[in-house]
Amino acid sequence: MRIVRLGLGLCICAGIGAFAACGGPAMDAASASGPAIASAHVDGKIKGQTLEARDAIAYTMPALQGMRILISNQTGVCGKVWKSDFKIRGIRALQFVVAEDRGAPKSPGVFLVNDGSSARFAVGGFVAYDDKCNELEGGVEDADTGAITGKLTIDEIDLANGGRVTGSFDLRLKGGDHVSGTFTAPYCAKPDSVEAAAFNPVCQ
């Protein structure tokens, strides 16, 4: 069984995913090279959860064996995620971890959800916190929101300052819900002021 660390202080066995809603263009996903434009569109609902996508980022980190894509209801998440990894008050977000040979993807292509037989795979999850950073029902620990089949397709990938990741996803969840969508996620580079191993999740 694959174990992938998604953050939030827990490890995810290759098989959670989720999300709800339909979002429009997002602004202010910043990389170290300056402002960039992000966008995301998501179709489908999960347990009544909805999300107005206002930001999307892609980033890598030493503790994560892959690349994370984050679609959020908040703007400016690039700066927040490197501070908290990413326990952010009031956030609702769809996240994917996409991996190839235990590292970040090297080229565009199709990544099957929960495909333990492939060197290329993806897992996903819906994250929701209240204003005190308590996880809400329907978050990543909710078994009904786990993705059991589907795929994430990367059309473009440039993991460098000023780069971006674009693509689409299509998921069937354990509870029977179906979600799909597209994203343009600017690359979110690690600030020089952040130590690679110094991640202490905080409520911010």
N, C-alpha and C. Protein backbone atom coordinates (compact mmCIF):
# COMPACT_ATOMS: atom_id res chain seq x y z
N MET A 1 0.85 -1.19 0.00
CA MET A 1 0.00 0.00 0.00
C MET A 1 0.88 1.24 0.00
N ARG A 2 0.56 2.20 -0.85
CA ARG A 2 1.33 3.44 -0.88
C ARG A 2 0.89 4.35 0.26
N ILE A 3 1.86 5.00 0.87
CA ILE A 3 1.56 6.00 1.89
C ILE A 3 2.12 7.33 1.38
N VAL A 4 1.28 8.33 1.30
CA VAL A 4 1.71 9.64 0.83
C VAL A 4 1.36 10.68 1.86
N ARG A 5 2.32 11.47 2.25
CA ARG A 5 2.07 12.51 3.24
C ARG A 5 1.50 13.74 2.53
N LEU A 6 0.28 14.10 2.91
CA LEU A 6 -0.34 15.27 2.32
C LEU A 6 -0.15 16.51 3.18
N GLY A 7 0.45 16.39 4.32
CA GLY A 7 0.52 17.51 5.24
C GLY A 7 -0.54 17.36 6.30
N LEU A 8 -0.85 18.44 6.99
CA LEU A 8 -1.88 18.45 8.02
C LEU A 8 -1.56 17.50 9.16
N GLY A 9 -0.31 17.05 9.24
CA GLY A 9 0.08 16.18 10.33
C GLY A 9 -0.42 14.76 10.20
N LEU A 10 -0.74 14.31 8.96
CA LEU A 10 -1.20 12.93 8.82
C LEU A 10 -0.72 12.36 7.51
N CYS A 11 -0.71 11.04 7.42
CA CYS A 11 -0.33 10.36 6.19
C CYS A 11 -1.58 9.77 5.56
N ILE A 12 -1.62 9.82 4.24
CA ILE A 12 -2.79 9.35 3.53
C ILE A 12 -2.43 8.11 2.73
N CYS A 13 -3.15 7.01 2.97
CA CYS A 13 -2.97 5.81 2.16
C CYS A 13 -3.60 6.11 0.81
N ALA A 14 -2.84 5.89 -0.24
CA ALA A 14 -3.23 6.29 -1.60
C ALA A 14 -4.68 6.02 -1.87
N GLY A 15 -5.50 6.97 -1.56
CA GLY A 15 -6.89 6.75 -1.82
C GLY A 15 -7.83 7.72 -1.20
N ILE A 16 -7.42 8.95 -0.86
CA ILE A 16 -8.45 9.88 -0.47
C ILE A 16 -8.48 10.99 -1.47
N GLY A 17 -9.65 11.50 -1.68
CA GLY A 17 -9.76 12.59 -2.61
C GLY A 17 -11.11 13.17 -2.43
N ALA A 18 -11.35 14.32 -3.01
CA ALA A 18 -12.65 14.86 -2.82
C ALA A 18 -12.77 16.24 -3.33
N PHE A 19 -14.03 16.75 -3.19
CA PHE A 19 -14.22 18.15 -3.45
C PHE A 19 -15.61 18.43 -3.87
N ALA A 20 -15.92 19.70 -3.83
CA ALA A 20 -17.23 20.11 -4.23
C ALA A 20 -17.14 21.44 -4.89
N ALA A 21 -17.98 21.68 -5.86
CA ALA A 21 -18.26 23.02 -6.28
C ALA A 21 -17.79 23.41 -7.64
N CYS A 22 -18.01 24.68 -7.91
CA CYS A 22 -17.63 25.26 -9.18
C CYS A 22 -17.02 26.60 -8.89
N GLY A 23 -15.78 26.81 -9.29
CA GLY A 23 -15.12 28.07 -9.02
C GLY A 23 -14.72 28.78 -10.28
N GLY A 24 -14.40 30.07 -10.17
CA GLY A 24 -14.00 30.87 -11.31
C GLY A 24 -12.53 31.23 -11.22
N PRO A 25 -12.14 32.29 -11.94
CA PRO A 25 -10.74 32.69 -11.97
C PRO A 25 -10.24 33.05 -10.58
N ALA A 26 -8.99 32.75 -10.32
CA ALA A 26 -8.38 33.07 -9.03
C ALA A 26 -7.24 34.03 -9.25
N MET A 27 -6.93 34.82 -8.24
CA MET A 27 -5.90 35.84 -8.37
C MET A 27 -4.85 35.66 -7.29
N ASP A 28 -3.68 36.23 -7.56
CA ASP A 28 -2.64 36.42 -6.55
C ASP A 28 -1.98 35.15 -6.05
N ALA A 29 -1.86 34.11 -6.86
CA ALA A 29 -1.02 32.98 -6.45
C ALA A 29 0.41 33.38 -6.75
N ALA A 30 1.18 33.69 -5.72
CA ALA A 30 2.50 34.27 -5.94
C ALA A 30 3.60 33.24 -5.84
N SER A 31 4.54 33.30 -6.75
CA SER A 31 5.75 32.51 -6.63
C SER A 31 6.86 33.46 -6.23
N ALA A 32 8.06 32.94 -6.05
CA ALA A 32 9.17 33.79 -5.65
C ALA A 32 9.50 34.82 -6.73
N SER A 33 9.08 34.59 -7.96
CA SER A 33 9.40 35.50 -9.04
C SER A 33 8.37 36.61 -9.19
N GLY A 34 7.31 36.59 -8.40
CA GLY A 34 6.33 37.65 -8.46
C GLY A 34 4.93 37.11 -8.71
N PRO A 35 3.95 38.03 -8.83
CA PRO A 35 2.55 37.62 -8.99
C PRO A 35 2.33 36.80 -10.25
N ALA A 36 1.39 35.90 -10.18
CA ALA A 36 0.99 35.09 -11.33
C ALA A 36 -0.52 34.92 -11.27
N ILE A 37 -1.10 34.52 -12.37
CA ILE A 37 -2.55 34.34 -12.43
C ILE A 37 -2.88 32.86 -12.31
N ALA A 38 -3.80 32.54 -11.43
CA ALA A 38 -4.25 31.16 -11.24
C ALA A 38 -5.72 31.06 -11.58
N SER A 39 -6.17 29.87 -11.95
CA SER A 39 -7.59 29.66 -12.19
C SER A 39 -7.93 28.20 -11.94
N ALA A 40 -9.19 27.95 -11.64
CA ALA A 40 -9.66 26.58 -11.43
C ALA A 40 -11.15 26.53 -11.67
N HIS A 41 -11.62 25.42 -12.16
CA HIS A 41 -13.05 25.20 -12.37
C HIS A 41 -13.35 23.77 -11.94
N VAL A 42 -14.29 23.62 -11.02
CA VAL A 42 -14.60 22.30 -10.47
C VAL A 42 -16.10 22.06 -10.56
N ASP A 43 -16.49 20.93 -11.09
CA ASP A 43 -17.89 20.54 -11.19
C ASP A 43 -18.17 19.38 -10.24
N GLY A 44 -19.26 19.44 -9.50
CA GLY A 44 -19.65 18.35 -8.62
C GLY A 44 -19.77 18.80 -7.18
N LYS A 45 -20.48 18.02 -6.38
CA LYS A 45 -20.65 18.31 -4.97
C LYS A 45 -20.38 17.06 -4.14
N ILE A 46 -19.89 17.29 -2.93
CA ILE A 46 -19.63 16.21 -1.99
C ILE A 46 -20.23 16.58 -0.64
N LYS A 47 -21.21 15.82 -0.22
CA LYS A 47 -21.82 16.01 1.10
C LYS A 47 -22.20 17.46 1.35
N GLY A 48 -22.64 18.14 0.31
CA GLY A 48 -23.09 19.50 0.46
C GLY A 48 -22.00 20.55 0.51
N GLN A 49 -20.73 20.13 0.50
CA GLN A 49 -19.62 21.07 0.54
C GLN A 49 -19.49 21.79 -0.80
N THR A 50 -19.28 23.08 -0.75
CA THR A 50 -19.02 23.86 -1.95
C THR A 50 -17.77 24.70 -1.74
N LEU A 51 -17.19 25.13 -2.85
CA LEU A 51 -15.99 25.93 -2.76
C LEU A 51 -15.91 26.86 -3.96
N GLU A 52 -15.71 28.14 -3.68
CA GLU A 52 -15.48 29.11 -4.74
C GLU A 52 -13.97 29.25 -4.90
N ALA A 53 -13.43 28.68 -5.96
CA ALA A 53 -11.98 28.66 -6.15
C ALA A 53 -11.46 30.06 -6.46
N ARG A 54 -10.55 30.53 -5.62
CA ARG A 54 -9.96 31.85 -5.81
C ARG A 54 -8.44 31.79 -6.03
N ASP A 55 -7.86 30.62 -5.85
CA ASP A 55 -6.41 30.49 -6.00
C ASP A 55 -6.08 29.04 -6.32
N ALA A 56 -4.96 28.84 -6.98
CA ALA A 56 -4.45 27.49 -7.25
C ALA A 56 -2.93 27.59 -7.33
N ILE A 57 -2.24 26.68 -6.67
CA ILE A 57 -0.78 26.67 -6.69
C ILE A 57 -0.29 25.23 -6.85
N ALA A 58 0.96 25.11 -7.28
CA ALA A 58 1.66 23.83 -7.32
C ALA A 58 3.00 24.02 -6.63
N TYR A 59 3.40 23.06 -5.81
CA TYR A 59 4.69 23.19 -5.14
C TYR A 59 5.23 21.84 -4.75
N THR A 60 6.51 21.81 -4.45
CA THR A 60 7.19 20.59 -4.01
C THR A 60 7.90 20.91 -2.70
N MET A 61 8.15 19.87 -1.92
CA MET A 61 8.89 20.05 -0.68
C MET A 61 9.61 18.74 -0.35
N PRO A 62 10.76 18.82 0.38
CA PRO A 62 11.56 17.63 0.62
C PRO A 62 10.79 16.48 1.27
N ALA A 63 9.88 16.80 2.19
CA ALA A 63 9.16 15.74 2.91
C ALA A 63 8.06 15.10 2.06
N LEU A 64 7.75 15.71 0.93
CA LEU A 64 6.66 15.23 0.08
C LEU A 64 7.25 14.53 -1.13
N GLN A 65 7.00 13.23 -1.26
CA GLN A 65 7.53 12.49 -2.40
C GLN A 65 6.61 12.68 -3.60
N GLY A 66 6.63 13.88 -4.15
CA GLY A 66 5.78 14.21 -5.28
C GLY A 66 5.55 15.70 -5.32
N MET A 67 4.55 16.09 -6.07
CA MET A 67 4.17 17.49 -6.21
C MET A 67 2.76 17.66 -5.69
N ARG A 68 2.50 18.75 -4.98
CA ARG A 68 1.15 19.02 -4.47
C ARG A 68 0.51 20.12 -5.31
N ILE A 69 -0.75 19.91 -5.66
CA ILE A 69 -1.57 20.93 -6.31
C ILE A 69 -2.68 21.29 -5.34
N LEU A 70 -2.85 22.58 -5.08
CA LEU A 70 -3.82 23.05 -4.11
C LEU A 70 -4.75 24.07 -4.77
N ILE A 71 -6.05 23.82 -4.68
CA ILE A 71 -7.08 24.74 -5.17
C ILE A 71 -7.85 25.24 -3.96
N SER A 72 -7.88 26.56 -3.76
CA SER A 72 -8.35 27.11 -2.49
C SER A 72 -9.41 28.18 -2.66
N ASN A 73 -10.21 28.36 -1.60
CA ASN A 73 -11.18 29.45 -1.55
C ASN A 73 -10.54 30.75 -1.08
N GLN A 74 -9.27 30.74 -0.72
CA GLN A 74 -8.57 31.93 -0.26
C GLN A 74 -7.50 32.34 -1.27
N THR A 75 -7.20 33.64 -1.30
CA THR A 75 -6.12 34.13 -2.14
C THR A 75 -4.83 34.16 -1.34
N GLY A 76 -3.72 34.26 -2.04
CA GLY A 76 -2.43 34.38 -1.37
C GLY A 76 -1.99 33.14 -0.62
N VAL A 77 -2.43 31.97 -1.03
CA VAL A 77 -2.11 30.76 -0.27
C VAL A 77 -0.65 30.34 -0.41
N CYS A 78 0.04 30.83 -1.43
CA CYS A 78 1.45 30.47 -1.57
C CYS A 78 2.24 30.89 -0.35
N GLY A 79 2.02 32.12 0.12
CA GLY A 79 2.72 32.58 1.31
C GLY A 79 2.28 31.87 2.56
N LYS A 80 1.00 31.51 2.64
CA LYS A 80 0.48 30.86 3.84
C LYS A 80 0.93 29.40 3.95
N VAL A 81 0.99 28.71 2.83
CA VAL A 81 1.27 27.28 2.88
C VAL A 81 2.69 27.01 3.37
N TRP A 82 3.62 27.88 3.05
CA TRP A 82 5.00 27.68 3.50
C TRP A 82 5.17 28.00 4.97
N LYS A 83 4.23 28.74 5.54
CA LYS A 83 4.29 29.03 6.97
C LYS A 83 3.67 27.92 7.80
N SER A 84 2.62 27.28 7.26
CA SER A 84 1.84 26.38 8.11
C SER A 84 1.76 24.94 7.64
N ASP A 85 1.94 24.68 6.39
CA ASP A 85 1.87 23.34 5.79
C ASP A 85 0.57 22.57 6.10
N PHE A 86 -0.59 22.96 5.91
CA PHE A 86 -1.06 24.32 5.75
C PHE A 86 -2.34 24.47 6.54
N LYS A 87 -2.19 24.63 7.83
CA LYS A 87 -3.34 24.73 8.73
C LYS A 87 -3.81 26.18 8.73
N ILE A 88 -4.67 26.51 7.81
CA ILE A 88 -5.09 27.89 7.58
C ILE A 88 -6.54 28.05 7.99
N ARG A 89 -6.81 29.02 8.84
CA ARG A 89 -8.17 29.20 9.35
C ARG A 89 -9.13 29.55 8.22
N GLY A 90 -10.28 28.87 8.23
CA GLY A 90 -11.33 29.14 7.26
C GLY A 90 -11.10 28.61 5.87
N ILE A 91 -10.02 27.87 5.65
CA ILE A 91 -9.72 27.41 4.30
C ILE A 91 -10.59 26.23 3.90
N ARG A 92 -10.96 26.21 2.65
CA ARG A 92 -11.58 25.05 2.01
C ARG A 92 -10.76 24.80 0.75
N ALA A 93 -10.25 23.63 0.60
CA ALA A 93 -9.32 23.40 -0.51
C ALA A 93 -9.37 21.97 -1.02
N LEU A 94 -9.16 21.85 -2.29
CA LEU A 94 -8.95 20.55 -2.92
C LEU A 94 -7.46 20.42 -3.14
N GLN A 95 -6.89 19.28 -2.73
CA GLN A 95 -5.47 19.07 -2.93
C GLN A 95 -5.21 17.73 -3.59
N PHE A 96 -4.18 17.70 -4.41
CA PHE A 96 -3.70 16.47 -5.02
C PHE A 96 -2.22 16.33 -4.71
N VAL A 97 -1.78 15.10 -4.50
CA VAL A 97 -0.36 14.79 -4.56
C VAL A 97 -0.16 13.92 -5.80
N VAL A 98 0.74 14.36 -6.65
CA VAL A 98 1.00 13.69 -7.93
C VAL A 98 2.45 13.25 -7.92
N ALA A 99 2.68 11.97 -8.17
CA ALA A 99 4.04 11.44 -8.03
C ALA A 99 4.45 10.60 -9.23
N GLU A 100 5.74 10.59 -9.46
CA GLU A 100 6.33 9.75 -10.49
C GLU A 100 7.66 9.22 -9.96
N ASP A 101 7.78 7.91 -9.82
CA ASP A 101 9.01 7.30 -9.30
C ASP A 101 9.43 7.94 -7.98
N ARG A 102 8.45 8.12 -7.06
CA ARG A 102 8.68 8.65 -5.72
C ARG A 102 9.23 10.07 -5.75
N GLY A 103 8.86 10.83 -6.74
CA GLY A 103 9.28 12.23 -6.83
C GLY A 103 8.26 13.02 -7.60
N ALA A 104 8.57 14.28 -7.85
CA ALA A 104 7.67 15.13 -8.62
C ALA A 104 7.62 14.66 -10.07
N PRO A 105 6.49 14.83 -10.74
CA PRO A 105 6.39 14.44 -12.15
C PRO A 105 7.44 15.15 -12.99
N LYS A 106 7.94 14.46 -14.00
CA LYS A 106 8.98 15.02 -14.86
C LYS A 106 8.43 15.55 -16.18
N SER A 107 7.23 15.13 -16.54
CA SER A 107 6.66 15.53 -17.82
C SER A 107 5.15 15.41 -17.77
N PRO A 108 4.44 16.03 -18.72
CA PRO A 108 2.97 15.91 -18.76
C PRO A 108 2.54 14.46 -18.95
N GLY A 109 1.27 14.19 -18.64
CA GLY A 109 0.75 12.84 -18.82
C GLY A 109 -0.43 12.57 -17.92
N VAL A 110 -0.89 11.33 -17.94
CA VAL A 110 -2.03 10.90 -17.15
C VAL A 110 -1.55 10.17 -15.90
N PHE A 111 -2.10 10.54 -14.75
CA PHE A 111 -1.75 9.94 -13.48
C PHE A 111 -3.03 9.33 -12.89
N LEU A 112 -3.06 8.01 -12.80
CA LEU A 112 -4.25 7.32 -12.32
C LEU A 112 -4.34 7.40 -10.80
N VAL A 113 -5.55 7.59 -10.32
CA VAL A 113 -5.79 7.70 -8.88
C VAL A 113 -5.70 6.32 -8.23
N ASN A 114 -4.89 6.22 -7.21
CA ASN A 114 -4.77 4.99 -6.42
C ASN A 114 -4.28 3.79 -7.22
N ASP A 115 -3.48 4.02 -8.23
CA ASP A 115 -2.95 2.92 -9.03
C ASP A 115 -1.62 2.47 -8.44
N GLY A 116 -1.68 1.51 -7.53
CA GLY A 116 -0.47 1.02 -6.87
C GLY A 116 0.48 0.29 -7.78
N SER A 117 0.05 -0.07 -8.99
CA SER A 117 0.91 -0.81 -9.91
C SER A 117 1.71 0.11 -10.82
N SER A 118 1.45 1.42 -10.75
CA SER A 118 2.08 2.36 -11.67
C SER A 118 3.08 3.24 -10.95
N ALA A 119 4.15 3.61 -11.67
CA ALA A 119 5.12 4.55 -11.12
C ALA A 119 4.56 5.97 -11.13
N ARG A 120 3.49 6.17 -11.90
CA ARG A 120 2.82 7.48 -11.97
C ARG A 120 1.44 7.34 -11.34
N PHE A 121 1.17 8.09 -10.29
CA PHE A 121 -0.13 7.98 -9.64
C PHE A 121 -0.48 9.28 -8.95
N ALA A 122 -1.73 9.40 -8.53
CA ALA A 122 -2.19 10.59 -7.81
C ALA A 122 -3.14 10.19 -6.70
N VAL A 123 -3.16 10.99 -5.64
CA VAL A 123 -4.17 10.88 -4.59
C VAL A 123 -4.73 12.28 -4.38
N GLY A 124 -5.91 12.36 -3.79
CA GLY A 124 -6.50 13.67 -3.60
C GLY A 124 -7.33 13.74 -2.34
N GLY A 125 -7.64 14.92 -1.89
CA GLY A 125 -8.45 15.08 -0.70
C GLY A 125 -9.02 16.47 -0.57
N PHE A 126 -10.16 16.58 0.12
CA PHE A 126 -10.79 17.86 0.39
C PHE A 126 -10.47 18.26 1.82
N VAL A 127 -9.99 19.48 2.00
CA VAL A 127 -9.60 19.99 3.30
C VAL A 127 -10.49 21.16 3.67
N ALA A 128 -11.00 21.17 4.88
CA ALA A 128 -11.83 22.28 5.33
C ALA A 128 -11.58 22.54 6.81
N TYR A 129 -11.25 23.80 7.15
CA TYR A 129 -11.03 24.20 8.54
C TYR A 129 -11.96 25.36 8.91
N ASP A 130 -12.34 25.40 10.19
CA ASP A 130 -13.12 26.54 10.65
C ASP A 130 -12.18 27.66 11.07
N ASP A 131 -12.74 28.73 11.70
CA ASP A 131 -11.91 29.88 12.02
C ASP A 131 -10.98 29.64 13.20
N LYS A 132 -11.06 28.45 13.81
CA LYS A 132 -10.12 28.07 14.86
C LYS A 132 -9.20 26.94 14.41
N CYS A 133 -9.21 26.67 13.11
CA CYS A 133 -8.38 25.64 12.49
C CYS A 133 -8.75 24.23 12.91
N ASN A 134 -10.01 24.04 13.32
CA ASN A 134 -10.51 22.70 13.56
C ASN A 134 -11.03 22.14 12.24
N GLU A 135 -10.68 20.88 11.95
CA GLU A 135 -11.12 20.30 10.68
C GLU A 135 -12.62 20.07 10.69
N LEU A 136 -13.27 20.44 9.59
CA LEU A 136 -14.71 20.31 9.47
C LEU A 136 -15.08 18.96 8.87
N GLU A 137 -16.33 18.56 9.07
CA GLU A 137 -16.83 17.33 8.47
C GLU A 137 -16.69 17.41 6.96
N GLY A 138 -16.29 16.31 6.36
CA GLY A 138 -16.09 16.29 4.93
C GLY A 138 -14.64 16.52 4.54
N GLY A 139 -13.75 16.62 5.53
CA GLY A 139 -12.33 16.83 5.25
C GLY A 139 -11.64 15.54 4.85
N VAL A 140 -10.32 15.56 4.86
CA VAL A 140 -9.55 14.44 4.34
C VAL A 140 -9.74 13.15 5.14
N GLU A 141 -10.18 13.24 6.40
CA GLU A 141 -10.34 12.04 7.20
C GLU A 141 -11.72 11.40 7.01
N ASP A 142 -12.56 12.00 6.19
CA ASP A 142 -13.90 11.48 5.94
C ASP A 142 -13.83 10.43 4.83
N ALA A 143 -14.10 9.18 5.16
CA ALA A 143 -13.94 8.09 4.20
C ALA A 143 -14.84 8.24 2.98
N ASP A 144 -16.01 8.85 3.13
CA ASP A 144 -16.94 8.99 2.01
C ASP A 144 -16.42 9.93 0.93
N THR A 145 -15.48 10.79 1.25
CA THR A 145 -14.97 11.73 0.27
C THR A 145 -13.67 11.26 -0.38
N GLY A 146 -13.28 10.04 -0.15
CA GLY A 146 -12.07 9.49 -0.74
C GLY A 146 -12.27 9.11 -2.20
N ALA A 147 -11.30 9.44 -3.03
CA ALA A 147 -11.35 9.06 -4.44
C ALA A 147 -10.95 7.59 -4.58
N ILE A 148 -11.80 6.81 -5.22
CA ILE A 148 -11.48 5.40 -5.40
C ILE A 148 -11.04 5.07 -6.82
N THR A 149 -11.49 5.86 -7.78
CA THR A 149 -11.04 5.70 -9.16
C THR A 149 -10.95 7.08 -9.79
N GLY A 150 -10.31 7.14 -10.95
CA GLY A 150 -10.24 8.39 -11.68
C GLY A 150 -8.83 8.67 -12.16
N LYS A 151 -8.66 9.89 -12.63
CA LYS A 151 -7.35 10.26 -13.15
C LYS A 151 -7.14 11.77 -13.05
N LEU A 152 -5.88 12.15 -13.01
CA LEU A 152 -5.47 13.53 -13.09
C LEU A 152 -4.56 13.65 -14.31
N THR A 153 -4.89 14.55 -15.20
CA THR A 153 -4.12 14.73 -16.42
C THR A 153 -3.36 16.05 -16.35
N ILE A 154 -2.06 15.98 -16.50
CA ILE A 154 -1.23 17.18 -16.53
C ILE A 154 -0.89 17.50 -17.98
N ASP A 155 -1.27 18.70 -18.40
CA ASP A 155 -1.02 19.14 -19.78
C ASP A 155 0.29 19.90 -19.91
N GLU A 156 0.65 20.61 -18.85
CA GLU A 156 1.86 21.43 -18.86
C GLU A 156 2.45 21.42 -17.47
N ILE A 157 3.78 21.29 -17.38
CA ILE A 157 4.41 21.30 -16.06
C ILE A 157 5.76 22.00 -16.15
N ASP A 158 5.93 23.02 -15.31
CA ASP A 158 7.18 23.77 -15.24
C ASP A 158 7.39 24.13 -13.77
N LEU A 159 8.19 23.34 -13.08
CA LEU A 159 8.42 23.52 -11.64
C LEU A 159 9.64 24.40 -11.41
N ALA A 160 9.52 25.64 -11.84
CA ALA A 160 10.57 26.63 -11.66
C ALA A 160 9.91 27.98 -11.43
N ASN A 161 10.67 28.94 -10.90
CA ASN A 161 10.12 30.27 -10.67
C ASN A 161 9.49 30.81 -11.95
N GLY A 162 8.26 31.26 -11.84
CA GLY A 162 7.54 31.76 -13.00
C GLY A 162 6.84 30.68 -13.80
N GLY A 163 7.06 29.41 -13.44
CA GLY A 163 6.42 28.31 -14.16
C GLY A 163 5.01 28.04 -13.66
N ARG A 164 4.38 27.04 -14.23
CA ARG A 164 3.02 26.69 -13.83
C ARG A 164 2.73 25.25 -14.19
N VAL A 165 1.65 24.73 -13.59
CA VAL A 165 1.16 23.39 -13.90
C VAL A 165 -0.29 23.54 -14.32
N THR A 166 -0.65 22.98 -15.46
CA THR A 166 -2.04 23.04 -15.92
C THR A 166 -2.54 21.62 -16.18
N GLY A 167 -3.84 21.43 -16.06
CA GLY A 167 -4.39 20.11 -16.31
C GLY A 167 -5.85 19.99 -15.92
N SER A 168 -6.28 18.75 -15.73
CA SER A 168 -7.67 18.46 -15.40
C SER A 168 -7.74 17.21 -14.54
N PHE A 169 -8.90 16.99 -13.92
CA PHE A 169 -9.09 15.79 -13.10
C PHE A 169 -10.52 15.30 -13.23
N ASP A 170 -10.68 14.00 -12.99
CA ASP A 170 -11.99 13.36 -13.06
C ASP A 170 -11.98 12.23 -12.04
N LEU A 171 -12.84 12.35 -11.00
CA LEU A 171 -12.79 11.41 -9.89
C LEU A 171 -14.15 10.80 -9.59
N ARG A 172 -14.14 9.54 -9.20
CA ARG A 172 -15.31 8.88 -8.64
C ARG A 172 -14.99 8.59 -7.18
N LEU A 173 -15.85 9.06 -6.28
CA LEU A 173 -15.57 8.96 -4.86
C LEU A 173 -16.28 7.78 -4.20
N LYS A 174 -15.78 7.40 -3.04
CA LYS A 174 -16.31 6.24 -2.34
C LYS A 174 -17.80 6.38 -2.04
N GLY A 175 -18.24 7.59 -1.72
CA GLY A 175 -19.64 7.82 -1.42
C GLY A 175 -20.54 7.87 -2.64
N GLY A 176 -19.96 7.73 -3.85
CA GLY A 176 -20.75 7.73 -5.08
C GLY A 176 -20.72 9.03 -5.84
N ASP A 177 -20.17 10.08 -5.26
CA ASP A 177 -20.13 11.37 -5.94
C ASP A 177 -19.09 11.37 -7.05
N HIS A 178 -19.34 12.23 -8.04
CA HIS A 178 -18.43 12.39 -9.17
C HIS A 178 -18.00 13.85 -9.24
N VAL A 179 -16.70 14.12 -9.32
CA VAL A 179 -16.19 15.48 -9.43
C VAL A 179 -15.17 15.54 -10.56
N SER A 180 -15.16 16.65 -11.24
CA SER A 180 -14.20 16.86 -12.31
C SER A 180 -13.89 18.35 -12.41
N GLY A 181 -12.84 18.69 -13.14
CA GLY A 181 -12.51 20.10 -13.28
C GLY A 181 -11.17 20.32 -13.96
N THR A 182 -10.79 21.59 -14.03
CA THR A 182 -9.53 21.99 -14.64
C THR A 182 -8.81 22.97 -13.72
N PHE A 183 -7.52 23.17 -13.95
CA PHE A 183 -6.75 24.09 -13.12
C PHE A 183 -5.55 24.65 -13.88
N THR A 184 -5.18 25.85 -13.53
CA THR A 184 -3.91 26.46 -13.90
C THR A 184 -3.28 26.91 -12.59
N ALA A 185 -2.20 26.25 -12.20
CA ALA A 185 -1.60 26.46 -10.88
C ALA A 185 -0.16 26.96 -11.03
N PRO A 186 0.10 28.25 -10.77
CA PRO A 186 1.47 28.76 -10.80
C PRO A 186 2.34 28.02 -9.79
N TYR A 187 3.62 27.88 -10.12
CA TYR A 187 4.54 27.22 -9.20
C TYR A 187 4.83 28.13 -8.01
N CYS A 188 4.74 27.57 -6.82
CA CYS A 188 4.96 28.30 -5.57
C CYS A 188 6.31 27.88 -5.00
N ALA A 189 7.31 28.71 -5.20
CA ALA A 189 8.67 28.36 -4.77
C ALA A 189 8.84 28.56 -3.27
N LYS A 190 9.69 27.75 -2.67
CA LYS A 190 10.00 27.87 -1.24
C LYS A 190 10.78 29.16 -1.00
N PRO A 191 10.29 30.02 -0.11
CA PRO A 191 11.05 31.24 0.21
C PRO A 191 12.41 30.90 0.84
N ASP A 192 13.39 31.73 0.58
CA ASP A 192 14.72 31.49 1.15
C ASP A 192 14.70 31.52 2.67
N SER A 193 13.73 32.21 3.23
CA SER A 193 13.66 32.34 4.69
C SER A 193 13.09 31.11 5.38
N VAL A 194 12.58 30.16 4.60
CA VAL A 194 11.97 28.96 5.17
C VAL A 194 12.97 27.81 5.13
N GLU A 195 13.23 27.23 6.29
CA GLU A 195 14.12 26.07 6.36
C GLU A 195 13.38 24.85 5.81
N ALA A 196 14.09 24.04 5.02
CA ALA A 196 13.46 22.90 4.35
C ALA A 196 12.79 21.94 5.32
N ALA A 197 13.40 21.74 6.51
CA ALA A 197 12.87 20.76 7.45
C ALA A 197 12.06 21.39 8.58
N ALA A 198 11.92 22.72 8.57
CA ALA A 198 11.28 23.42 9.69
C ALA A 198 9.80 23.67 9.42
N PHE A 199 8.99 22.63 9.54
CA PHE A 199 7.56 22.77 9.35
C PHE A 199 6.84 22.53 10.66
N ASN A 200 6.28 23.58 11.20
CA ASN A 200 5.52 23.51 12.44
C ASN A 200 4.13 24.07 12.17
N PRO A 201 3.16 23.21 11.84
CA PRO A 201 1.83 23.69 11.50
C PRO A 201 1.26 24.61 12.58
N VAL A 202 0.78 25.75 12.13
CA VAL A 202 0.17 26.72 13.04
C VAL A 202 -1.18 27.14 12.48
N CYS A 203 -2.02 27.69 13.35
CA CYS A 203 -3.30 28.21 12.90
C CYS A 203 -3.09 29.67 12.54
N GLN A 204 -3.21 30.00 11.26
CA GLN A 204 -2.96 31.38 10.84
C GLN A 204 -4.08 31.92 9.98
